[in-house]
PDB file of N, CA and C in Angstrom:
ATOM      1  N   MET A   1     107.108  49.151 -91.794  1.00  0.00           N
ATOM      2  CA  MET A   1     107.372  47.791 -91.553  1.00  0.00           C
ATOM      3  C   MET A   1     105.914  46.853 -91.888  1.00  0.00           C
ATOM      4  N   PRO A   2     106.108  45.788 -93.109  1.00  0.00           N
ATOM      5  CA  PRO A   2     104.859  45.182 -93.521  1.00  0.00           C
ATOM      6  C   PRO A   2     104.263  44.089 -92.477  1.00  0.00           C
ATOM      7  N   ILE A   3     105.122  43.621 -91.333  1.00  0.00           N
ATOM      8  CA  ILE A   3     104.772  42.755 -90.303  1.00  0.00           C
ATOM      9  C   ILE A   3     104.429  43.659 -89.254  1.00  0.00           C
ATOM     10  N   VAL A   4     103.109  43.612 -88.412  1.00  0.00           N
ATOM     11  CA  VAL A   4     102.621  44.220 -87.505  1.00  0.00           C
ATOM     12  C   VAL A   4     102.669  43.347 -86.426  1.00  0.00           C
ATOM     13  N   VAL A   5     103.173  43.753 -85.170  1.00  0.00           N
ATOM     14  CA  VAL A   5     102.927  42.957 -84.241  1.00  0.00           C
ATOM     15  C   VAL A   5     101.870  43.450 -83.092  1.00  0.00           C
ATOM     16  N   THR A   6     100.842  42.695 -82.834  1.00  0.00           N
ATOM     17  CA  THR A   6      99.760  42.830 -81.851  1.00  0.00           C
ATOM     18  C   THR A   6      99.684  42.104 -80.573  1.00  0.00           C
ATOM     19  N   LEU A   7     100.939  42.051 -80.210  1.00  0.00           N
ATOM     20  CA  LEU A   7     101.074  41.289 -79.148  1.00  0.00           C
ATOM     21  C   LEU A   7     100.350  41.896 -77.800  1.00  0.00           C
ATOM     22  N   ASP A   8     100.432  43.239 -77.676  1.00  0.00           N
ATOM     23  CA  ASP A   8      99.861  43.919 -76.445  1.00  0.00           C
ATOM     24  C   ASP A   8      98.389  43.858 -76.741  1.00  0.00           C
ATOM     25  N   VAL A   9      97.874  43.764 -78.023  1.00  0.00           N
ATOM     26  CA  VAL A   9      96.020  43.399 -77.839  1.00  0.00           C
ATOM     27  C   VAL A   9      95.838  41.931 -77.353  1.00  0.00           C
ATOM     28  N   MET A  10      96.772  40.870 -77.691  1.00  0.00           N
ATOM     29  CA  MET A  10      96.420  39.833 -77.046  1.00  0.00           C
ATOM     30  C   MET A  10      96.680  39.442 -75.443  1.00  0.00           C
ATOM     31  N   LEU A  11      97.771  40.460 -75.048  1.00  0.00           N
ATOM     32  CA  LEU A  11      97.890  40.461 -73.803  1.00  0.00           C
ATOM     33  C   LEU A  11      96.779  41.109 -72.966  1.00  0.00           C
ATOM     34  N   ALA A  12      96.240  41.897 -73.544  1.00  0.00           N
ATOM     35  CA  ALA A  12      95.144  42.805 -73.017  1.00  0.00           C
ATOM     36  C   ALA A  12      94.113  41.842 -72.741  1.00  0.00           C
ATOM     37  N   ARG A  13      93.744  40.866 -73.953  1.00  0.00           N
ATOM     38  CA  ARG A  13      92.590  40.192 -74.125  1.00  0.00           C
ATOM     39  C   ARG A  13      92.550  39.039 -73.113  1.00  0.00           C
ATOM     40  N   ARG A  14      93.838  38.735 -72.868  1.00  0.00           N
ATOM     41  CA  ARG A  14      94.264  37.536 -72.122  1.00  0.00           C
ATOM     42  C   ARG A  14      94.252  38.131 -70.659  1.00  0.00           C
ATOM     43  N   LYS A  15      94.263  39.481 -70.430  1.00  0.00           N
ATOM     44  CA  LYS A  15      94.423  39.979 -69.157  1.00  0.00           C
ATOM     45  C   LYS A  15      95.565  39.407 -68.526  1.00  0.00           C
ATOM     46  N   MET A  16      96.565  39.652 -69.172  1.00  0.00           N
ATOM     47  CA  MET A  16      98.246  39.154 -68.939  1.00  0.00           C
ATOM     48  C   MET A  16      99.078  40.422 -68.839  1.00  0.00           C
ATOM     49  N   ARG A  17      99.960  40.393 -67.723  1.00  0.00           N
ATOM     50  CA  ARG A  17     100.875  41.576 -68.171  1.00  0.00           C
ATOM     51  C   ARG A  17     102.254  40.827 -68.771  1.00  0.00           C
ATOM     52  N   SER A  18     103.033  41.893 -69.060  1.00  0.00           N
ATOM     53  CA  SER A  18     104.087  41.579 -70.016  1.00  0.00           C
ATOM     54  C   SER A  18     104.979  40.686 -69.069  1.00  0.00           C
ATOM     55  N   LYS A  19     105.036  41.012 -67.754  1.00  0.00           N
ATOM     56  CA  LYS A  19     105.807  40.559 -66.431  1.00  0.00           C
ATOM     57  C   LYS A  19     105.586  38.787 -66.733  1.00  0.00           C
ATOM     58  N   GLN A  20     104.375  38.653 -66.529  1.00  0.00           N
ATOM     59  CA  GLN A  20     103.894  37.389 -66.254  1.00  0.00           C
ATOM     60  C   GLN A  20     104.128  36.535 -67.633  1.00  0.00           C
ATOM     61  N   LEU A  21     103.975  37.000 -68.804  1.00  0.00           N
ATOM     62  CA  LEU A  21     104.387  36.482 -70.138  1.00  0.00           C
ATOM     63  C   LEU A  21     105.743  36.010 -70.157  1.00  0.00           C
ATOM     64  N   ALA A  22     106.530  36.997 -69.699  1.00  0.00           N
ATOM     65  CA  ALA A  22     108.117  36.909 -69.690  1.00  0.00           C
ATOM     66  C   ALA A  22     108.573  35.845 -68.725  1.00  0.00           C
ATOM     67  N   GLU A  23     107.831  35.699 -67.753  1.00  0.00           N
ATOM     68  CA  GLU A  23     108.066  34.606 -67.035  1.00  0.00           C
ATOM     69  C   GLU A  23     107.738  32.838 -67.296  1.00  0.00           C
ATOM     70  N   LEU A  24     106.287  33.056 -67.958  1.00  0.00           N
ATOM     71  CA  LEU A  24     105.929  31.809 -68.774  1.00  0.00           C
ATOM     72  C   LEU A  24     106.825  31.570 -69.772  1.00  0.00           C
ATOM     73  N   VAL A  25     107.241  32.242 -70.584  1.00  0.00           N
ATOM     74  CA  VAL A  25     108.279  32.138 -71.819  1.00  0.00           C
ATOM     75  C   VAL A  25     109.455  31.800 -71.688  1.00  0.00           C
ATOM     76  N   GLY A  26     110.056  32.662 -70.218  1.00  0.00           N
ATOM     77  CA  GLY A  26     111.480  32.190 -70.381  1.00  0.00           C
ATOM     78  C   GLY A  26     112.380  33.551 -71.048  1.00  0.00           C
ATOM     79  N   ILE A  27     111.548  34.637 -71.334  1.00  0.00           N
ATOM     80  CA  ILE A  27     112.761  35.735 -71.973  1.00  0.00           C
ATOM     81  C   ILE A  27     112.674  36.778 -71.018  1.00  0.00           C
ATOM     82  N   THR A  28     113.099  37.761 -71.090  1.00  0.00           N
ATOM     83  CA  THR A  28     113.050  39.000 -70.341  1.00  0.00           C
ATOM     84  C   THR A  28     112.291  39.760 -70.736  1.00  0.00           C
ATOM     85  N   GLU A  29     111.722  40.666 -69.507  1.00  0.00           N
ATOM     86  CA  GLU A  29     110.351  41.795 -70.038  1.00  0.00           C
ATOM     87  C   GLU A  29     111.006  42.735 -70.872  1.00  0.00           C
ATOM     88  N   GLN A  30     112.296  42.728 -71.054  1.00  0.00           N
ATOM     89  CA  GLN A  30     112.854  43.940 -72.049  1.00  0.00           C
ATOM     90  C   GLN A  30     112.646  43.076 -73.623  1.00  0.00           C
ATOM     91  N   ASN A  31     112.669  41.908 -73.525  1.00  0.00           N
ATOM     92  CA  ASN A  31     112.519  41.207 -74.933  1.00  0.00           C
ATOM     93  C   ASN A  31     110.885  41.382 -75.207  1.00  0.00           C
ATOM     94  N   VAL A  32     110.129  41.158 -74.480  1.00  0.00           N
ATOM     95  CA  VAL A  32     108.692  41.215 -74.644  1.00  0.00           C
ATOM     96  C   VAL A  32     108.523  42.505 -74.838  1.00  0.00           C
ATOM     97  N   SER A  33     108.856  43.562 -74.271  1.00  0.00           N
ATOM     98  CA  SER A  33     108.464  44.889 -74.591  1.00  0.00           C
ATOM     99  C   SER A  33     109.121  45.496 -76.037  1.00  0.00           C
ATOM    100  N   LEU A  34     110.270  44.698 -76.446  1.00  0.00           N
ATOM    101  CA  LEU A  34     110.725  44.992 -77.990  1.00  0.00           C
ATOM    102  C   LEU A  34     109.865  44.603 -79.040  1.00  0.00           C
ATOM    103  N   LEU A  35     109.140  43.177 -78.681  1.00  0.00           N
ATOM    104  CA  LEU A  35     108.424  42.383 -79.288  1.00  0.00           C
ATOM    105  C   LEU A  35     107.384  43.020 -79.356  1.00  0.00           C
ATOM    106  N   LYS A  36     106.582  43.661 -78.242  1.00  0.00           N
ATOM    107  CA  LYS A  36     105.118  44.600 -78.322  1.00  0.00           C
ATOM    108  C   LYS A  36     105.340  45.940 -79.340  1.00  0.00           C
ATOM    109  N   SER A  37     106.553  46.422 -79.221  1.00  0.00           N
ATOM    110  CA  SER A  37     106.637  47.632 -79.995  1.00  0.00           C
ATOM    111  C   SER A  37     106.986  47.203 -81.327  1.00  0.00           C
ATOM    112  N   GLY A  38     107.492  46.096 -81.716  1.00  0.00           N
ATOM    113  CA  GLY A  38     107.820  45.772 -83.052  1.00  0.00           C
ATOM    114  C   GLY A  38     109.323  46.213 -83.450  1.00  0.00           C
ATOM    115  N   LYS A  39     110.035  46.373 -82.460  1.00  0.00           N
ATOM    116  CA  LYS A  39     111.466  46.807 -82.728  1.00  0.00           C
ATOM    117  C   LYS A  39     112.541  45.796 -83.012  1.00  0.00           C
ATOM    118  N   VAL A  40     111.718  44.529 -83.231  1.00  0.00           N
ATOM    119  CA  VAL A  40     112.771  43.255 -83.388  1.00  0.00           C
ATOM    120  C   VAL A  40     112.808  42.768 -84.971  1.00  0.00           C
ATOM    121  N   LYS A  41     113.850  42.430 -85.045  1.00  0.00           N
ATOM    122  CA  LYS A  41     114.061  41.982 -86.623  1.00  0.00           C
ATOM    123  C   LYS A  41     113.481  40.544 -86.902  1.00  0.00           C
ATOM    124  N   GLY A  42     113.419  39.733 -86.108  1.00  0.00           N
ATOM    125  CA  GLY A  42     113.067  38.445 -86.016  1.00  0.00           C
ATOM    126  C   GLY A  42     112.596  37.561 -84.586  1.00  0.00           C
ATOM    127  N   VAL A  43     111.960  36.676 -84.568  1.00  0.00           N
ATOM    128  CA  VAL A  43     111.694  35.974 -83.334  1.00  0.00           C
ATOM    129  C   VAL A  43     111.943  34.478 -83.580  1.00  0.00           C
ATOM    130  N   ARG A  44     112.309  33.724 -82.729  1.00  0.00           N
ATOM    131  CA  ARG A  44     112.810  32.163 -82.857  1.00  0.00           C
ATOM    132  C   ARG A  44     111.467  31.804 -82.880  1.00  0.00           C
ATOM    133  N   PHE A  45     111.102  30.552 -83.739  1.00  0.00           N
ATOM    134  CA  PHE A  45     109.848  29.813 -83.662  1.00  0.00           C
ATOM    135  C   PHE A  45     109.607  29.215 -82.303  1.00  0.00           C
ATOM    136  N   GLU A  46     110.706  28.692 -81.652  1.00  0.00           N
ATOM    137  CA  GLU A  46     110.673  28.267 -80.340  1.00  0.00           C
ATOM    138  C   GLU A  46     109.835  29.172 -79.375  1.00  0.00           C
ATOM    139  N   THR A  47     110.443  30.314 -79.477  1.00  0.00           N
ATOM    140  CA  THR A  47     109.853  31.489 -78.404  1.00  0.00           C
ATOM    141  C   THR A  47     108.261  31.981 -79.093  1.00  0.00           C
ATOM    142  N   LEU A  48     108.225  31.735 -80.429  1.00  0.00           N
ATOM    143  CA  LEU A  48     106.853  32.110 -80.519  1.00  0.00           C
ATOM    144  C   LEU A  48     105.827  31.036 -80.274  1.00  0.00           C
ATOM    145  N   GLU A  49     106.395  29.912 -80.393  1.00  0.00           N
ATOM    146  CA  GLU A  49     105.471  28.611 -79.810  1.00  0.00           C
ATOM    147  C   GLU A  49     105.195  28.853 -78.348  1.00  0.00           C
ATOM    148  N   LYS A  50     106.191  29.548 -77.544  1.00  0.00           N
ATOM    149  CA  LYS A  50     105.926  29.638 -76.350  1.00  0.00           C
ATOM    150  C   LYS A  50     104.720  30.692 -75.844  1.00  0.00           C
ATOM    151  N   ILE A  51     105.162  31.628 -76.853  1.00  0.00           N
ATOM    152  CA  ILE A  51     104.171  32.679 -76.714  1.00  0.00           C
ATOM    153  C   ILE A  51     102.626  32.320 -76.962  1.00  0.00           C
ATOM    154  N   CYS A  52     102.669  31.707 -78.132  1.00  0.00           N
ATOM    155  CA  CYS A  52     101.192  31.119 -78.303  1.00  0.00           C
ATOM    156  C   CYS A  52     100.577  30.138 -77.117  1.00  0.00           C
ATOM    157  N   ASP A  53     101.356  29.341 -76.548  1.00  0.00           N
ATOM    158  CA  ASP A  53     100.926  28.270 -75.658  1.00  0.00           C
ATOM    159  C   ASP A  53     100.724  29.079 -74.558  1.00  0.00           C
ATOM    160  N   ALA A  54     101.385  30.178 -74.126  1.00  0.00           N
ATOM    161  CA  ALA A  54     100.753  30.985 -72.896  1.00  0.00           C
ATOM    162  C   ALA A  54      99.757  31.804 -73.045  1.00  0.00           C
ATOM    163  N   LEU A  55      99.698  32.114 -74.250  1.00  0.00           N
ATOM    164  CA  LEU A  55      98.219  33.045 -74.453  1.00  0.00           C
ATOM    165  C   LEU A  55      96.936  32.486 -75.090  1.00  0.00           C
ATOM    166  N   ASP A  56      97.345  31.177 -75.396  1.00  0.00           N
ATOM    167  CA  ASP A  56      96.353  30.251 -76.105  1.00  0.00           C
ATOM    168  C   ASP A  56      95.903  30.742 -77.397  1.00  0.00           C
ATOM    169  N   CYS A  57      96.921  31.248 -78.172  1.00  0.00           N
ATOM    170  CA  CYS A  57      96.553  31.707 -79.328  1.00  0.00           C
ATOM    171  C   CYS A  57      97.240  30.963 -80.588  1.00  0.00           C
ATOM    172  N   GLN A  58      97.027  31.780 -81.837  1.00  0.00           N
ATOM    173  CA  GLN A  58      97.974  31.058 -83.035  1.00  0.00           C
ATOM    174  C   GLN A  58      98.780  32.474 -83.434  1.00  0.00           C
ATOM    175  N   PRO A  59      99.748  31.891 -84.256  1.00  0.00           N
ATOM    176  CA  PRO A  59     100.793  33.361 -84.476  1.00  0.00           C
ATOM    177  C   PRO A  59     100.126  34.275 -85.152  1.00  0.00           C
ATOM    178  N   ALA A  60      99.043  33.969 -85.953  1.00  0.00           N
ATOM    179  CA  ALA A  60      98.299  34.990 -86.825  1.00  0.00           C
ATOM    180  C   ALA A  60      97.412  35.889 -85.880  1.00  0.00           C
ATOM    181  N   ASP A  61      97.485  35.496 -84.534  1.00  0.00           N
ATOM    182  CA  ASP A  61      96.588  36.499 -83.522  1.00  0.00           C
ATOM    183  C   ASP A  61      97.455  37.651 -83.160  1.00  0.00           C
ATOM    184  N   ILE A  62      98.909  37.494 -83.279  1.00  0.00           N
ATOM    185  CA  ILE A  62      99.741  38.487 -83.012  1.00  0.00           C
ATOM    186  C   ILE A  62     100.517  38.919 -83.981  1.00  0.00           C
ATOM    187  N   LEU A  63     100.739  38.258 -85.001  1.00  0.00           N
ATOM    188  CA  LEU A  63     101.581  38.804 -86.161  1.00  0.00           C
ATOM    189  C   LEU A  63     100.483  38.828 -87.541  1.00  0.00           C
ATOM    190  N   HIS A  64     100.614  40.262 -87.897  1.00  0.00           N
ATOM    191  CA  HIS A  64      99.795  40.463 -89.145  1.00  0.00           C
ATOM    192  C   HIS A  64     100.677  41.306 -90.364  1.00  0.00           C
ATOM    193  N   TYR A  65     100.298  40.585 -91.566  1.00  0.00           N
ATOM    194  CA  TYR A  65     101.265  41.396 -92.708  1.00  0.00           C
ATOM    195  C   TYR A  65     100.159  42.496 -93.158  1.00  0.00           C
ATOM    196  N   GLU A  66     100.802  43.594 -93.384  1.00  0.00           N
ATOM    197  CA  GLU A  66     100.277  44.978 -93.979  1.00  0.00           C
ATOM    198  C   GLU A  66     101.117  45.197 -95.172  1.00  0.00           C
ATOM    199  N   PRO A  67     101.004  44.952 -96.149  1.00  0.00           N
ATOM    200  CA  PRO A  67     101.910  45.652 -97.295  1.00  0.00           C
ATOM    201  C   PRO A  67     102.092  47.068 -97.478  1.00  0.00           C
ATOM    202  N   ASP A  68     103.492  47.548 -97.424  1.00  0.00           N
ATOM    203  CA  ASP A  68     103.569  49.018 -97.750  1.00  0.00           C
ATOM    204  C   ASP A  68     102.755  49.333 -98.792  1.00  0.00           C
ATOM    205  N   ASP A  69     102.373  50.647 -98.919  1.00  0.00           N
ATOM    206  CA  ASP A  69     101.753  51.186 -99.844  1.00  0.00           C
ATOM    207  C   ASP A  69     102.816  51.653-101.240  1.00  0.00           C
TER     208      ASP A  69
END
């Protein structure tokens, strides 16, 4: 998949656990886990905004485009 999710890296940088992020954003831990693994087909802008607010980051800090070879 050309979109790579690096949410786990940003969580580590902020020394935050998935459970804490889930509570701040208002989503389940399972959904955070799915996001971290890249197993989602999409994410709402509202959710992305809340994640970026909670982690004090930009969308580009957690989403990267890597084209297929």
